[in-house]
Amino acid sequence: MEVRLSKVMGDDMERPDRDRITKMEVEIVHLSNQVNRMAKQVAEMHDLLQQARGAKYFIIAAAAVGGFLSSKLAVWSGIIGGLPR
């Protein structure tokens, strides 16, 4: 899949040009590997944020249910009804 410019352009290239192109090919390979690693990290962070969004809604719902139940428990147990007004 990888095409080397030195092979495409033939052997009639001068030595400094061939060396320079070879160095650029190596640098492109390294940059491609680095971009692939960063893309993987971004995908992992996106998945983590999606999980956090679900956990946020669960915590909000649990707090709402807990507040509702504690208010009803306080009324039914007579804590609020027995206090002076």
C-alpha atoms as a PDB file:
ATOM      1  CA  MET A   1       0.000   0.000   0.000  1.00  0.00           C
ATOM      2  CA  GLU A   2       2.920   2.291   0.645  1.00  0.00           C
ATOM      3  CA  VAL A   3       4.379   3.930  -2.458  1.00  0.00           C
ATOM      4  CA  ARG A   4       7.953   5.067  -2.254  1.00  0.00           C
ATOM      5  CA  LEU A   5       8.697   8.147  -4.320  1.00  0.00           C
ATOM      6  CA  SER A   6      12.252   7.022  -4.953  1.00  0.00           C
ATOM      7  CA  LYS A   7      10.956   3.939  -6.777  1.00  0.00           C
ATOM      8  CA  VAL A   8       8.369   5.904  -8.744  1.00  0.00           C
ATOM      9  CA  MET A   9      10.813   8.558  -9.923  1.00  0.00           C
ATOM     10  CA  GLY A  10      13.513   6.054 -10.884  1.00  0.00           C
ATOM     11  CA  ASP A  11      17.222   5.883 -10.280  1.00  0.00           C
ATOM     12  CA  ASP A  12      18.006   9.039 -12.242  1.00  0.00           C
ATOM     13  CA  MET A  13      17.442  11.174  -9.141  1.00  0.00           C
ATOM     14  CA  GLU A  14      20.425  12.759  -7.507  1.00  0.00           C
ATOM     15  CA  ARG A  15      21.638  11.286  -4.235  1.00  0.00           C
ATOM     16  CA  PRO A  16      20.762  14.311  -1.972  1.00  0.00           C
ATOM     17  CA  ASP A  17      17.209  14.386  -3.356  1.00  0.00           C
ATOM     18  CA  ARG A  18      16.802  10.669  -2.797  1.00  0.00           C
ATOM     19  CA  ASP A  19      18.041  10.968   0.799  1.00  0.00           C
ATOM     20  CA  ARG A  20      15.749  13.889   1.469  1.00  0.00           C
ATOM     21  CA  ILE A  21      12.730  12.062   0.066  1.00  0.00           C
ATOM     22  CA  THR A  22      13.574   8.960   2.075  1.00  0.00           C
ATOM     23  CA  LYS A  23      13.732  11.039   5.269  1.00  0.00           C
ATOM     24  CA  MET A  24      10.361  12.593   4.440  1.00  0.00           C
ATOM     25  CA  GLU A  25       8.864   9.133   3.861  1.00  0.00           C
ATOM     26  CA  VAL A  26      10.045   8.026   7.291  1.00  0.00           C
ATOM     27  CA  GLU A  27       8.663  11.201   8.858  1.00  0.00           C
ATOM     28  CA  ILE A  28       5.294  10.668   7.155  1.00  0.00           C
ATOM     29  CA  VAL A  29       5.137   7.126   8.532  1.00  0.00           C
ATOM     30  CA  HIS A  30       5.837   8.406  12.050  1.00  0.00           C
ATOM     31  CA  LEU A  31       3.258  11.168  11.709  1.00  0.00           C
ATOM     32  CA  SER A  32       0.662   8.695  10.439  1.00  0.00           C
ATOM     33  CA  ASN A  33       1.300   6.437  13.430  1.00  0.00           C
ATOM     34  CA  GLN A  34       0.984   9.388  15.782  1.00  0.00           C
ATOM     35  CA  VAL A  35      -2.316  10.485  14.203  1.00  0.00           C
ATOM     36  CA  ASN A  36      -3.667   6.940  14.517  1.00  0.00           C
ATOM     37  CA  ARG A  37      -2.743   6.824  18.219  1.00  0.00           C
ATOM     38  CA  MET A  38      -4.402  10.204  18.828  1.00  0.00           C
ATOM     39  CA  ALA A  39      -7.546   9.097  16.988  1.00  0.00           C
ATOM     40  CA  LYS A  40      -7.736   6.047  19.245  1.00  0.00           C
ATOM     41  CA  GLN A  41      -7.335   8.232  22.351  1.00  0.00           C
ATOM     42  CA  VAL A  42     -10.062  10.608  21.168  1.00  0.00           C
ATOM     43  CA  ALA A  43     -12.402   7.675  20.598  1.00  0.00           C
ATOM     44  CA  GLU A  44     -11.692   6.378  24.117  1.00  0.00           C
ATOM     45  CA  MET A  45     -12.345   9.819  25.637  1.00  0.00           C
ATOM     46  CA  HIS A  46     -15.609  10.094  23.693  1.00  0.00           C
ATOM     47  CA  ASP A  47     -16.752   6.717  25.029  1.00  0.00           C
ATOM     48  CA  LEU A  48     -15.824   7.765  28.558  1.00  0.00           C
ATOM     49  CA  LEU A  49     -17.789  11.015  28.259  1.00  0.00           C
ATOM     50  CA  GLN A  50     -20.821   9.119  26.977  1.00  0.00           C
ATOM     51  CA  GLN A  51     -20.660   6.873  30.045  1.00  0.00           C
ATOM     52  CA  ALA A  52     -20.342   9.921  32.306  1.00  0.00           C
ATOM     53  CA  ARG A  53     -23.444  11.465  30.710  1.00  0.00           C
ATOM     54  CA  GLY A  54     -25.469   8.361  31.607  1.00  0.00           C
ATOM     55  CA  ALA A  55     -24.095   8.372  35.160  1.00  0.00           C
ATOM     56  CA  LYS A  56     -25.008  12.056  35.543  1.00  0.00           C
ATOM     57  CA  TYR A  57     -28.651  11.360  34.719  1.00  0.00           C
ATOM     58  CA  PHE A  58     -28.693   8.395  37.099  1.00  0.00           C
ATOM     59  CA  ILE A  59     -27.321  10.515  39.963  1.00  0.00           C
ATOM     60  CA  ILE A  60     -29.884  13.264  39.325  1.00  0.00           C
ATOM     61  CA  ALA A  61     -32.728  10.726  39.236  1.00  0.00           C
ATOM     62  CA  ALA A  62     -31.487   8.999  42.415  1.00  0.00           C
ATOM     63  CA  ALA A  63     -31.284  12.361  44.240  1.00  0.00           C
ATOM     64  CA  ALA A  64     -34.810  13.262  43.132  1.00  0.00           C
ATOM     65  CA  VAL A  65     -36.230   9.916  44.281  1.00  0.00           C
ATOM     66  CA  GLY A  66     -34.300  10.131  47.561  1.00  0.00           C
ATOM     67  CA  GLY A  67     -35.585  13.647  48.237  1.00  0.00           C
ATOM     68  CA  PHE A  68     -39.168  12.642  47.500  1.00  0.00           C
ATOM     69  CA  LEU A  69     -39.009   9.587  49.730  1.00  0.00           C
ATOM     70  CA  SER A  70     -37.363  11.454  52.618  1.00  0.00           C
ATOM     71  CA  SER A  71     -40.010  14.205  52.472  1.00  0.00           C
ATOM     72  CA  LYS A  72     -42.832  11.651  52.563  1.00  0.00           C
ATOM     73  CA  LEU A  73     -41.145   9.747  55.368  1.00  0.00           C
ATOM     74  CA  ALA A  74     -40.814  12.925  57.414  1.00  0.00           C
ATOM     75  CA  VAL A  75     -44.501  13.752  56.971  1.00  0.00           C
ATOM     76  CA  TRP A  76     -45.690  10.225  57.731  1.00  0.00           C
ATOM     77  CA  SER A  77     -43.514   9.777  60.794  1.00  0.00           C
ATOM     78  CA  GLY A  78     -44.901  12.865  62.435  1.00  0.00           C
ATOM     79  CA  ILE A  79     -41.599  14.706  62.678  1.00  0.00           C
ATOM     80  CA  ILE A  80     -42.953  17.744  60.893  1.00  0.00           C
ATOM     81  CA  GLY A  81     -46.510  17.411  62.281  1.00  0.00           C
ATOM     82  CA  GLY A  82     -45.323  17.368  65.886  1.00  0.00           C
ATOM     83  CA  LEU A  83     -43.190  20.512  65.711  1.00  0.00           C
ATOM     84  CA  PRO A  84     -44.596  23.812  67.028  1.00  0.00           C
ATOM     85  CA  ARG A  85     -45.553  26.325  64.379  1.00  0.00           C
END
